[in-house]
């Protein structure tokens, strides 16, 4: 369909492929911004960070709020995307209080507040 963008495949390996890695980071940042909006966070209510890392890995894209930390990456041991989320106390917090990690295949398409689909 003209003008309609294709869904991004987060399971496609991005290591050793600069163009795929750029697209992975762009799409993950976009999804994390949607997550922030769905959670009612204002744009200044969180930091959105990108760590490109070396050519052989995906790097990480992180939404870090005052009480929530969410990170998207592809593990070096496999090509499936991984989502880490945990509670935190402030944006300087480097350790979590409670955390969970999930493969995108297990998370699939998540609905937040019934209005936002966040495929990853």
C-alpha atoms as a PDB file:
ATOM      1  CA  UNK A   1       0.000   0.000   0.000  1.00  0.00           C
ATOM      2  CA  UNK A   2       1.564   3.338  -1.011  1.00  0.00           C
ATOM      3  CA  UNK A   3       2.617   5.568   1.862  1.00  0.00           C
ATOM      4  CA  UNK A   4       2.277   2.830   4.466  1.00  0.00           C
ATOM      5  CA  UNK A   5       5.475   1.810   6.226  1.00  0.00           C
ATOM      6  CA  UNK A   6       6.337  -1.828   6.856  1.00  0.00           C
ATOM      7  CA  UNK A   7       6.552  -3.131  10.399  1.00  0.00           C
ATOM      8  CA  UNK A   8      10.112  -3.364  11.678  1.00  0.00           C
ATOM      9  CA  UNK A   9      11.400  -6.883  12.425  1.00  0.00           C
ATOM     10  CA  UNK A  10      13.135  -6.628  15.810  1.00  0.00           C
ATOM     11  CA  UNK A  11      14.206 -10.282  15.556  1.00  0.00           C
ATOM     12  CA  UNK A  12      16.353  -9.685  12.479  1.00  0.00           C
ATOM     13  CA  UNK A  13      20.049  -9.692  13.481  1.00  0.00           C
ATOM     14  CA  UNK A  14      21.683  -6.252  13.405  1.00  0.00           C
ATOM     15  CA  UNK A  15      25.238  -7.043  14.537  1.00  0.00           C
ATOM     16  CA  UNK A  16      27.815  -6.490  11.776  1.00  0.00           C
ATOM     17  CA  UNK A  17      25.238  -4.565   9.672  1.00  0.00           C
ATOM     18  CA  UNK A  18      25.502  -0.799  10.144  1.00  0.00           C
ATOM     19  CA  UNK A  19      22.296   0.059   8.272  1.00  0.00           C
ATOM     20  CA  UNK A  20      20.232  -2.560  10.146  1.00  0.00           C
ATOM     21  CA  UNK A  21      21.721  -1.370  13.455  1.00  0.00           C
ATOM     22  CA  UNK A  22      20.759   2.267  12.721  1.00  0.00           C
ATOM     23  CA  UNK A  23      17.200   1.149  11.882  1.00  0.00           C
ATOM     24  CA  UNK A  24      17.051  -0.980  15.062  1.00  0.00           C
ATOM     25  CA  UNK A  25      18.046   2.027  17.198  1.00  0.00           C
ATOM     26  CA  UNK A  26      15.642   4.379  15.383  1.00  0.00           C
ATOM     27  CA  UNK A  27      12.703   2.007  15.743  1.00  0.00           C
ATOM     28  CA  UNK A  28      13.468   1.130  19.386  1.00  0.00           C
ATOM     29  CA  UNK A  29      13.696   4.842  20.278  1.00  0.00           C
ATOM     30  CA  UNK A  30      10.349   5.400  18.549  1.00  0.00           C
ATOM     31  CA  UNK A  31       8.731   2.538  20.506  1.00  0.00           C
ATOM     32  CA  UNK A  32      10.188   3.729  23.815  1.00  0.00           C
ATOM     33  CA  UNK A  33       8.823   7.245  23.181  1.00  0.00           C
ATOM     34  CA  UNK A  34       5.397   5.654  22.593  1.00  0.00           C
ATOM     35  CA  UNK A  35       5.806   3.752  25.850  1.00  0.00           C
ATOM     36  CA  UNK A  36       6.628   6.973  27.707  1.00  0.00           C
ATOM     37  CA  UNK A  37       3.522   8.630  26.262  1.00  0.00           C
ATOM     38  CA  UNK A  38       1.349   5.603  27.070  1.00  0.00           C
ATOM     39  CA  UNK A  39       2.571   5.698  30.668  1.00  0.00           C
ATOM     40  CA  UNK A  40       1.714   9.383  30.939  1.00  0.00           C
ATOM     41  CA  UNK A  41       5.331  10.532  31.183  1.00  0.00           C
ATOM     42  CA  UNK A  42       6.100  14.006  29.888  1.00  0.00           C
ATOM     43  CA  UNK A  43       9.080  14.337  27.538  1.00  0.00           C
ATOM     44  CA  UNK A  44      11.130  15.822  30.383  1.00  0.00           C
ATOM     45  CA  UNK A  45       9.957  12.985  32.681  1.00  0.00           C
ATOM     46  CA  UNK A  46      12.533  10.556  31.285  1.00  0.00           C
ATOM     47  CA  UNK A  47      15.846  10.330  29.465  1.00  0.00           C
ATOM     48  CA  UNK A  48      16.122   8.391  26.223  1.00  0.00           C
ATOM     49  CA  UNK A  49      19.654   7.124  25.682  1.00  0.00           C
ATOM     50  CA  UNK A  50      21.373   5.173  22.938  1.00  0.00           C
ATOM     51  CA  UNK A  51      24.559   3.180  23.372  1.00  0.00           C
ATOM     52  CA  UNK A  52      25.730   2.076  19.917  1.00  0.00           C
ATOM     53  CA  UNK A  53      28.566  -0.154  21.215  1.00  0.00           C
ATOM     54  CA  UNK A  54      30.818  -2.059  18.829  1.00  0.00           C
ATOM     55  CA  UNK A  55      30.062  -3.403  15.365  1.00  0.00           C
ATOM     56  CA  UNK A  56      29.549  -7.002  16.587  1.00  0.00           C
ATOM     57  CA  UNK A  57      26.609  -6.183  18.910  1.00  0.00           C
ATOM     58  CA  UNK A  58      23.302  -4.311  18.725  1.00  0.00           C
ATOM     59  CA  UNK A  59      23.975  -1.805  21.493  1.00  0.00           C
ATOM     60  CA  UNK A  60      21.184  -0.678  23.831  1.00  0.00           C
ATOM     61  CA  UNK A  61      18.376   1.853  23.744  1.00  0.00           C
ATOM     62  CA  UNK A  62      17.173   2.942  27.187  1.00  0.00           C
ATOM     63  CA  UNK A  63      14.227   4.870  28.599  1.00  0.00           C
ATOM     64  CA  UNK A  64      15.253   5.974  32.111  1.00  0.00           C
ATOM     65  CA  UNK A  65      12.648   7.738  34.205  1.00  0.00           C
ATOM     66  CA  UNK A  66      12.584   8.616  37.885  1.00  0.00           C
ATOM     67  CA  UNK A  67      10.953   5.282  38.807  1.00  0.00           C
ATOM     68  CA  UNK A  68      11.241   3.128  35.665  1.00  0.00           C
ATOM     69  CA  UNK A  69      14.137   1.862  33.544  1.00  0.00           C
ATOM     70  CA  UNK A  70      13.457   0.047  30.233  1.00  0.00           C
ATOM     71  CA  UNK A  71      16.201  -1.180  27.904  1.00  0.00           C
ATOM     72  CA  UNK A  72      15.985  -2.815  24.452  1.00  0.00           C
ATOM     73  CA  UNK A  73      18.842  -4.802  22.901  1.00  0.00           C
ATOM     74  CA  UNK A  74      19.705  -7.971  21.030  1.00  0.00           C
ATOM     75  CA  UNK A  75      21.810 -10.310  23.166  1.00  0.00           C
ATOM     76  CA  UNK A  76      25.175 -11.307  21.710  1.00  0.00           C
ATOM     77  CA  UNK A  77      24.206 -14.952  22.304  1.00  0.00           C
ATOM     78  CA  UNK A  78      21.160 -14.798  20.035  1.00  0.00           C
ATOM     79  CA  UNK A  79      19.288 -12.652  17.537  1.00  0.00           C
ATOM     80  CA  UNK A  80      16.032 -12.170  19.411  1.00  0.00           C
ATOM     81  CA  UNK A  81      15.519  -8.735  20.919  1.00  0.00           C
ATOM     82  CA  UNK A  82      15.525  -8.471  24.682  1.00  0.00           C
ATOM     83  CA  UNK A  83      13.562  -6.053  26.833  1.00  0.00           C
ATOM     84  CA  UNK A  84      14.794  -5.358  30.348  1.00  0.00           C
ATOM     85  CA  UNK A  85      12.591  -3.362  32.669  1.00  0.00           C
ATOM     86  CA  UNK A  86      13.056  -2.505  36.319  1.00  0.00           C
ATOM     87  CA  UNK A  87      12.105  -0.041  38.969  1.00  0.00           C
ATOM     88  CA  UNK A  88      14.624   2.589  40.016  1.00  0.00           C
ATOM     89  CA  UNK A  89      14.970   5.527  42.367  1.00  0.00           C
ATOM     90  CA  UNK A  90      15.932   8.478  40.197  1.00  0.00           C
ATOM     91  CA  UNK A  91      17.677   8.779  36.860  1.00  0.00           C
ATOM     92  CA  UNK A  92      21.116   8.399  38.355  1.00  0.00           C
ATOM     93  CA  UNK A  93      20.217   4.973  39.758  1.00  0.00           C
ATOM     94  CA  UNK A  94      22.368   2.266  38.174  1.00  0.00           C
ATOM     95  CA  UNK A  95      20.816  -0.668  40.007  1.00  0.00           C
ATOM     96  CA  UNK A  96      17.220  -1.783  40.130  1.00  0.00           C
ATOM     97  CA  UNK A  97      14.897  -2.634  42.951  1.00  0.00           C
ATOM     98  CA  UNK A  98      12.756  -5.116  41.004  1.00  0.00           C
ATOM     99  CA  UNK A  99      13.472  -6.172  37.446  1.00  0.00           C
ATOM    100  CA  UNK A 100      12.386  -8.488  34.664  1.00  0.00           C
ATOM    101  CA  UNK A 101      13.877  -9.434  31.344  1.00  0.00           C
ATOM    102  CA  UNK A 102      11.938 -10.866  28.410  1.00  0.00           C
ATOM    103  CA  UNK A 103      12.497 -11.875  24.812  1.00  0.00           C
ATOM    104  CA  UNK A 104      10.402 -10.002  22.299  1.00  0.00           C
ATOM    105  CA  UNK A 105       8.930 -13.295  21.132  1.00  0.00           C
ATOM    106  CA  UNK A 106       7.510 -13.850  24.606  1.00  0.00           C
ATOM    107  CA  UNK A 107       6.253 -10.271  24.921  1.00  0.00           C
ATOM    108  CA  UNK A 108       4.889 -10.094  21.390  1.00  0.00           C
ATOM    109  CA  UNK A 109       2.519  -7.201  21.020  1.00  0.00           C
ATOM    110  CA  UNK A 110       1.850  -5.435  24.287  1.00  0.00           C
ATOM    111  CA  UNK A 111      -1.120  -3.204  24.958  1.00  0.00           C
ATOM    112  CA  UNK A 112      -0.689  -0.356  27.396  1.00  0.00           C
ATOM    113  CA  UNK A 113      -3.849   1.262  28.688  1.00  0.00           C
ATOM    114  CA  UNK A 114      -5.780  -0.414  25.876  1.00  0.00           C
ATOM    115  CA  UNK A 115      -4.957   2.407  23.468  1.00  0.00           C
ATOM    116  CA  UNK A 116      -1.338   1.823  22.514  1.00  0.00           C
ATOM    117  CA  UNK A 117       0.087  -1.219  20.742  1.00  0.00           C
ATOM    118  CA  UNK A 118       3.838  -1.434  21.196  1.00  0.00           C
ATOM    119  CA  UNK A 119       5.127  -4.210  18.941  1.00  0.00           C
ATOM    120  CA  UNK A 120       8.708  -5.125  19.651  1.00  0.00           C
END
